[in-house]
Structures are given as structure tokens and as C-alpha cells.
Amino acid sequence: MMIPSEREQELVDLLEAIEITEVKDLVVFNDDFNTFEHVIATLMRVCKHTPEQAEQCTWLIHYKGKCTVRTGSFDELKPMREAICEEGIDAKIL
């Protein structure tokens, strides 16, 4: 049987682990500059989307103003966000 202080420490460790691996969204925003083809190609290259996934996301970006194109940890999403932004497309990790 654990004494309370050990149990409390275990819970704190668990909560810290959950916080570190918190799932984030990589969101791409609409603009008036990039073509559908450019956004689709970028999502396929950077996010490894299928052509169908990339096209669906691009339509959502166009009509809704934004779309979550990938979920994951901040560390997973950061290089993807940078690559998308390098292509002139507005993306944020939220």
C-alpha cells in the first residue's frame, strides 16, 4: 500500500506527462493569394495528406476561413508549420 505522499507524487508526474504531450492543432488560414493547387501540393508534401485529404482541407480553408490540417504535439507540428509558412501560407499551432 502506498503512502499518500507517494500517490500524490505519482499523480503530479502523470499530470506533467499529460501536459507535455498535450494535443495541439495545426490550423491553416485562408488568404486571397495562394491558389488551390499550391495549398493542395503543400499539404500533400508537408502533412503527407492524400490528394483527397488535401483537396478537402483546401475547400474547408476556402469556405470556412480555416481548417485543422494536422493534430499532434507542439514539437511534431512546429516543423510542419514552418514549412507551410515558408510556402507563403498562414498557419498556426493552436
Protein backbone atom coordinates (compact mmCIF):
# COMPACT_ATOMS: atom_id res chain seq x y z
CA MET A 1 0.00 0.00 0.00
CA MET A 2 1.34 3.43 -0.95
CA ILE A 3 1.58 6.24 1.49
CA PRO A 4 -0.36 9.33 0.35
CA SER A 5 2.71 11.43 -0.49
CA GLU A 6 3.94 8.79 -2.97
CA ARG A 7 0.50 8.59 -4.57
CA GLU A 8 0.31 12.38 -4.82
CA GLN A 9 3.74 12.50 -6.46
CA GLU A 10 2.64 9.82 -8.93
CA LEU A 11 -0.41 11.91 -9.85
CA VAL A 12 1.72 15.04 -10.27
CA ASP A 13 4.11 13.11 -12.55
CA LEU A 14 1.16 11.83 -14.58
CA LEU A 15 -0.35 15.30 -14.96
CA GLU A 16 3.01 16.72 -16.06
CA ALA A 17 3.34 13.95 -18.66
CA ILE A 18 -0.16 14.69 -19.97
CA GLU A 19 0.62 18.41 -20.16
CA ILE A 20 3.85 17.77 -22.08
CA THR A 21 2.06 15.59 -24.66
CA GLU A 22 -0.97 17.86 -24.95
CA VAL A 23 -2.51 17.53 -28.41
CA LYS A 24 -2.40 20.71 -30.49
CA ASP A 25 -3.97 21.64 -33.82
CA LEU A 26 -2.07 22.84 -36.86
CA VAL A 27 -4.52 25.28 -38.45
CA VAL A 28 -4.19 26.76 -41.94
CA PHE A 29 -5.97 30.04 -42.68
CA ASN A 30 -7.50 31.35 -45.89
CA ASP A 31 -5.96 34.19 -47.88
CA ASP A 32 -6.50 35.86 -51.25
CA PHE A 33 -3.09 34.99 -52.66
CA ASN A 34 -2.45 31.25 -52.77
CA THR A 35 -4.00 29.01 -55.40
CA PHE A 36 -5.88 25.83 -54.58
CA GLU A 37 -3.16 23.87 -56.40
CA HIS A 38 -0.40 25.42 -54.29
CA VAL A 39 -2.19 24.75 -50.98
CA ILE A 40 -3.06 21.17 -52.01
CA ALA A 41 0.52 20.44 -53.09
CA THR A 42 1.89 21.94 -49.86
CA LEU A 43 -0.45 19.88 -47.64
CA MET A 44 0.47 16.72 -49.53
CA ARG A 45 4.20 17.40 -49.22
CA VAL A 46 4.35 18.77 -45.66
CA CYS A 47 1.49 16.95 -43.89
CA LYS A 48 1.64 13.78 -46.00
CA HIS A 49 -2.03 14.19 -46.95
CA THR A 50 -3.54 12.12 -49.73
CA PRO A 51 -4.70 14.20 -52.71
CA GLU A 52 -8.29 13.80 -51.46
CA GLN A 53 -7.46 14.91 -47.90
CA ALA A 54 -5.52 17.91 -49.17
CA GLU A 55 -8.35 18.95 -51.50
CA GLN A 56 -10.99 18.60 -48.76
CA CYS A 57 -8.90 20.69 -46.36
CA THR A 58 -8.34 23.32 -49.05
CA TRP A 59 -12.09 23.64 -49.69
CA LEU A 60 -12.70 23.99 -45.93
CA ILE A 61 -9.98 26.65 -45.72
CA HIS A 62 -11.60 28.49 -48.63
CA TYR A 63 -15.19 28.37 -47.37
CA LYS A 64 -14.76 28.33 -43.57
CA GLY A 65 -11.66 30.54 -43.41
CA LYS A 66 -9.52 27.90 -41.71
CA CYS A 67 -9.01 24.18 -41.25
CA THR A 68 -7.12 21.93 -38.85
CA VAL A 69 -4.78 20.08 -41.20
CA ARG A 70 -2.94 18.04 -38.56
CA THR A 71 -3.02 17.29 -34.84
CA GLY A 72 -0.14 16.28 -32.61
CA SER A 73 2.33 17.56 -30.08
CA PHE A 74 3.79 21.04 -30.45
CA ASP A 75 7.19 19.52 -31.27
CA GLU A 76 5.68 17.38 -34.06
CA LEU A 77 3.73 20.28 -35.56
CA LYS A 78 6.38 23.04 -35.35
CA PRO A 79 8.47 21.95 -38.38
CA MET A 80 5.26 21.42 -40.40
CA ARG A 81 4.03 24.90 -39.52
CA GLU A 82 7.39 26.39 -40.51
CA ALA A 83 7.37 24.54 -43.84
CA ILE A 84 3.81 25.68 -44.61
CA CYS A 85 4.64 29.29 -43.71
CA GLU A 86 7.77 29.15 -45.89
CA GLU A 87 5.38 28.46 -48.78
CA GLY A 88 3.59 31.73 -48.05
CA ILE A 89 0.59 30.06 -46.41
CA ASP A 90 -0.63 31.27 -42.99
CA ALA A 91 -0.60 28.51 -40.38
CA LYS A 92 -0.67 28.50 -36.59
CA ILE A 93 -0.41 25.91 -33.83
CA LEU A 94 -3.39 26.29 -31.51
